[in-house]
């Protein structure tokens, strides 16, 4: 007996599929990696969000990053004593800000980009090591026009590891896509 199976083709990771169906995002929405790849231009090894746990448009978002010893950064940071670079926690916060902005406003990732513009009050409190699951959260402090200012936190097992205030802006792509 021959059975037909529907095969769903996934996009090539280096391509960002268009999906206007992502908006509007309801409060409390969770995003898996496939939806995250539709929003963010980042790809491995620089994609630092594995799953979005919760989004409240124009207010806050929470996500996770699972830290694995297989990540390329651990080859040099530091051999024998792997520590996840704190600056990558800031990058993860910035990527989550981008997802929050996308969920909050009608932003077309093909025509616009979210650019990191500044950082204040960054503090790195505890090291993050392979096997940790980082819970990243951002909360909007201020949003005017295309400028976003958020408070970002990175926690492991309810222990604060990194915090900062982040500034970013939505800009039009020069080439229109």
Protein backbone atom coordinates (compact mmCIF):
# COMPACT_ATOMS: atom_id res chain seq x y z
CA UNK A 1 0.00 0.00 0.00
CA UNK A 2 1.41 3.37 -1.01
CA UNK A 3 0.78 6.29 1.33
CA UNK A 4 1.30 9.91 0.29
CA UNK A 5 2.99 12.08 2.84
CA UNK A 6 2.89 15.86 2.64
CA UNK A 7 6.39 17.29 2.89
CA UNK A 8 6.73 20.87 4.02
CA UNK A 9 9.79 22.55 2.59
CA UNK A 10 11.58 24.82 5.00
CA UNK A 11 13.36 27.92 3.74
CA UNK A 12 17.10 27.88 3.28
CA UNK A 13 18.48 29.46 6.50
CA UNK A 14 20.35 32.17 4.60
CA UNK A 15 17.07 33.42 3.13
CA UNK A 16 14.45 35.35 5.04
CA UNK A 17 11.02 34.29 3.83
CA UNK A 18 8.38 36.94 3.62
CA UNK A 19 5.50 36.34 5.97
CA UNK A 20 3.11 39.21 6.37
CA UNK A 21 0.97 36.72 8.28
CA UNK A 22 3.14 37.19 11.38
CA UNK A 23 1.46 40.51 12.19
CA UNK A 24 -0.40 41.34 14.29
CA UNK A 25 1.11 39.33 17.10
CA UNK A 26 -1.29 38.82 20.02
CA UNK A 27 -0.21 39.47 23.60
CA UNK A 28 1.44 36.47 25.21
CA UNK A 29 2.49 34.99 21.86
CA UNK A 30 5.34 32.47 21.77
CA UNK A 31 7.64 32.30 18.75
CA UNK A 32 9.60 29.24 17.70
CA UNK A 33 12.88 29.38 15.79
CA UNK A 34 11.17 29.28 12.39
CA UNK A 35 9.25 32.49 13.11
CA UNK A 36 12.30 34.12 14.69
CA UNK A 37 14.25 33.47 11.47
CA UNK A 38 11.54 35.32 9.52
CA UNK A 39 12.04 38.43 11.65
CA UNK A 40 15.77 38.60 12.39
CA UNK A 41 18.47 38.83 9.72
CA UNK A 42 20.94 36.97 11.99
CA UNK A 43 21.97 33.37 11.30
CA UNK A 44 24.11 30.83 13.11
CA UNK A 45 26.43 31.26 14.84
CA UNK A 46 25.22 34.80 15.60
CA UNK A 47 21.52 34.15 16.13
CA UNK A 48 21.22 34.34 19.91
CA UNK A 49 17.49 33.79 20.49
CA UNK A 50 16.21 30.19 20.51
CA UNK A 51 12.59 30.78 21.51
CA UNK A 52 10.43 33.75 22.43
CA UNK A 53 8.40 32.91 25.54
CA UNK A 54 6.16 35.96 25.69
CA UNK A 55 5.57 39.25 23.90
CA UNK A 56 3.45 42.12 25.11
CA UNK A 57 3.58 44.57 22.16
CA UNK A 58 5.00 48.01 22.97
CA UNK A 59 5.80 46.85 26.53
CA UNK A 60 8.00 43.77 27.01
CA UNK A 61 9.27 40.44 25.74
CA UNK A 62 10.96 37.34 27.19
CA UNK A 63 13.06 34.75 25.38
CA UNK A 64 15.54 31.97 25.98
CA UNK A 65 19.00 31.17 24.72
CA UNK A 66 20.31 27.67 25.38
CA UNK A 67 24.09 27.73 25.80
CA UNK A 68 25.91 24.72 24.36
CA UNK A 69 29.58 23.82 24.66
CA UNK A 70 29.52 23.22 20.88
CA UNK A 71 29.18 26.94 20.12
CA UNK A 72 32.21 28.30 18.22
CA UNK A 73 32.81 31.07 20.76
CA UNK A 74 33.99 28.52 23.35
CA UNK A 75 37.01 27.55 21.26
CA UNK A 76 38.68 30.77 22.38
CA UNK A 77 36.64 32.01 25.37
CA UNK A 78 38.24 30.37 27.27
CA UNK A 79 39.82 26.98 26.47
CA UNK A 80 39.48 24.74 29.52
CA UNK A 81 37.15 27.18 31.29
CA UNK A 82 34.35 28.06 28.85
CA UNK A 83 32.49 31.27 29.68
CA UNK A 84 29.76 32.73 27.47
CA UNK A 85 30.88 36.29 26.58
CA UNK A 86 28.82 38.88 28.44
CA UNK A 87 28.77 41.10 25.37
CA UNK A 88 26.80 38.35 23.60
CA UNK A 89 24.13 38.71 26.29
CA UNK A 90 23.84 42.35 25.18
CA UNK A 91 23.52 41.23 21.57
CA UNK A 92 20.79 38.75 22.57
CA UNK A 93 18.93 41.57 24.34
CA UNK A 94 19.23 43.68 21.19
CA UNK A 95 17.87 40.84 19.03
CA UNK A 96 14.92 40.46 21.40
CA UNK A 97 14.31 44.24 21.17
CA UNK A 98 14.10 43.84 17.40
CA UNK A 99 11.51 41.08 17.76
CA UNK A 100 9.54 43.26 20.20
CA UNK A 101 9.63 46.21 17.78
CA UNK A 102 8.46 43.95 14.95
CA UNK A 103 5.60 42.67 17.13
CA UNK A 104 4.66 46.22 18.12
CA UNK A 105 4.66 48.12 14.84
CA UNK A 106 4.06 47.23 11.22
CA UNK A 107 7.72 46.81 10.29
CA UNK A 108 8.74 45.15 7.03
CA UNK A 109 12.09 43.36 7.57
CA UNK A 110 12.75 43.49 3.81
CA UNK A 111 12.46 47.29 3.70
CA UNK A 112 13.57 48.26 7.18
CA UNK A 113 16.23 47.21 9.64
CA UNK A 114 16.58 47.52 13.39
CA UNK A 115 19.98 48.96 14.32
CA UNK A 116 21.65 48.96 17.71
CA UNK A 117 22.43 52.58 18.62
CA UNK A 118 23.78 52.63 22.17
CA UNK A 119 24.13 51.10 25.58
CA UNK A 120 24.07 52.50 29.11
CA UNK A 121 24.39 51.10 32.61
CA UNK A 122 25.72 47.70 31.47
CA UNK A 123 26.64 45.42 34.34
CA UNK A 124 27.88 41.85 34.18
CA UNK A 125 27.23 40.09 37.46
CA UNK A 126 27.61 36.32 37.05
CA UNK A 127 29.36 34.16 34.43
CA UNK A 128 27.30 32.02 32.07
CA UNK A 129 28.66 28.59 31.17
CA UNK A 130 27.73 25.75 28.80
CA UNK A 131 24.56 23.98 29.85
CA UNK A 132 22.94 27.17 31.13
CA UNK A 133 19.62 28.38 29.77
CA UNK A 134 19.57 32.17 29.67
CA UNK A 135 16.23 33.89 30.12
CA UNK A 136 16.45 37.22 28.35
CA UNK A 137 13.91 39.95 28.96
CA UNK A 138 13.45 43.45 27.62
CA UNK A 139 11.07 46.11 28.90
CA UNK A 140 10.32 49.31 27.00
CA UNK A 141 11.48 52.41 28.86
CA UNK A 142 10.72 54.80 26.02
CA UNK A 143 9.46 54.53 22.44
CA UNK A 144 9.20 57.57 20.21
CA UNK A 145 8.79 57.39 16.46
CA UNK A 146 11.50 54.99 15.28
CA UNK A 147 13.63 55.09 18.47
CA UNK A 148 13.40 52.38 21.14
CA UNK A 149 14.97 52.43 24.61
CA UNK A 150 14.67 49.27 26.68
CA UNK A 151 15.91 47.78 29.90
CA UNK A 152 17.42 44.35 29.27
CA UNK A 153 18.12 41.53 31.70
CA UNK A 154 19.82 38.15 31.29
CA UNK A 155 19.16 35.59 34.02
CA UNK A 156 20.09 31.96 34.65
CA UNK A 157 18.07 30.03 37.24
CA UNK A 158 16.64 33.30 38.65
CA UNK A 159 20.16 34.72 39.12
CA UNK A 160 20.86 38.05 37.39
CA UNK A 161 23.87 37.63 35.09
CA UNK A 162 23.76 40.80 32.95
CA UNK A 163 21.72 43.98 32.69
CA UNK A 164 21.76 47.11 30.55
CA UNK A 165 19.76 49.91 29.00
CA UNK A 166 19.73 49.55 25.23
CA UNK A 167 18.98 52.09 22.50
CA UNK A 168 18.02 51.12 18.97
CA UNK A 169 16.34 52.59 15.90
CA UNK A 170 14.33 51.40 12.92
CA UNK A 171 15.91 52.59 9.67
CA UNK A 172 14.91 52.21 6.04
CA UNK A 173 17.19 49.97 3.99
CA UNK A 174 19.15 52.01 1.45
CA UNK A 175 18.51 49.48 -1.31
CA UNK A 176 14.80 49.08 -0.48
CA UNK A 177 15.17 45.39 0.28
